[in-house]
Amino acid sequence: MNLPYTAKLTVEKYLGGVRVDRFLAKHFRNYTPFRMARIVRAGGVHIEGARADSRQRVFAGQRVEVHLLEPPDKLLDPEPLELNILFEDDWLVVINKPAGLVTHPVGAFQSGTLCNGLQHYFDELTQLRGLLRPGIVHRLDRHTSGLIVATKHHLAHRLLSIQFQRDQISKSYLALVEGDISTKQGDIDLPIGRHSSGNSVLMSAQPTALCPRSAHTRYSVVERLDGHTLVRAHPLTGRNHQIRVHLAAIGHPVVGDEFYGSYGAIKPSRFDTFERSGLPRADLHELGHVPMARHALHAERLGFKHPIHGEAFDFASPLPVDLQTKLHSIRGTDARKLVI
């Protein structure tokens, strides 16, 4: 469908009192307030039937009609990606993310991300490109597989974000770690901040960490293996790299972790290892430097209340093939098959 596209909206209570351009930018998240202000000034917006002024504020319950005279000005590049969608409705979508897929554009990864794939998928659902923008409420590290939820609507995004902020989301991960964890279960209650090296990617639970924030992870042993332990981890807070940093901090880093070693040690990067070896990258496996193509961490369960109608959801994702293969190789051919 060509522009202009017309939409009729009702002002939500939490947006009462905001300027009309910002109200519209909340509903159409691929538009900036600046672009919306231009549309208002061009006569494309009416409040309760009267032409709106760009400085005008909206109030709860008012009816707003907008004619989108211009295209969005911060649209993600839509890219067709194969998405494993477990659940979808008008408000949100739950996806089983594979390892290796970046959640959203960041740094050197400006394309090929989950967000780019979702933008393409959402564009297929709407009459006009860019009407919906993927709302990322939480994220998984690039090499962490498993469950992630994204929203289609600003109100769903707001209410689900509040659940995450209040630690009302139930999450569990399976992690294969180095060494034998002696206790059957335990709690790791160590603040996490940026690593003292100043590298913005790295996090730390050491006393030297910069700007530390409280972090709490609960874990239980699922299976003990030769030189390894399979654990189920429940992050009770949501810090960056939390499970990986916490398990490494107690001397049991996640197998294949490219950054975090035992007791706060930072590993040399795989690129550095490659440069020092002088060998083709594939040969690094023979050196034992890259035991897995990614770290052995999987988001297996995700539970939350639907942000609009309140239904309790609990999603599960089976352990992916690469991690099952790794477990089988550690157990040996005579080991029993694990059922998780």
Foldseek 3Di string as FASTA:
>chain_A
DDFFDKDKDFDAQVQAPDFPLVSVCLQQVLADSVLSLVQLVVQFKDKQRHRDHRRDTHGGGIMMMGTNHDDGDRQQQADADDWAWPDDDQWKTKTFFAAQAFAADDDPRRDRHVQNNVQNVVCVVDPDRRSWGWAFLAGDHRGATGIGMTTGGSLQSVLVNVCQVVLVKWWKKKFKWFADDPDQKDKQWAWKAADLVPPNLHMARDPNHPPTDIWMKIKGFDDDFDRITIMMIITSHHDVCRVQRRCQLCQIGTPQAQFGHHNGDGHDGLVVVCVVVVDPSVCVVVVVPGVDPHTGMYTAWIWDARSPPGHIDIDGDDRDPRNQVVVDVRRDPPRDRDDD
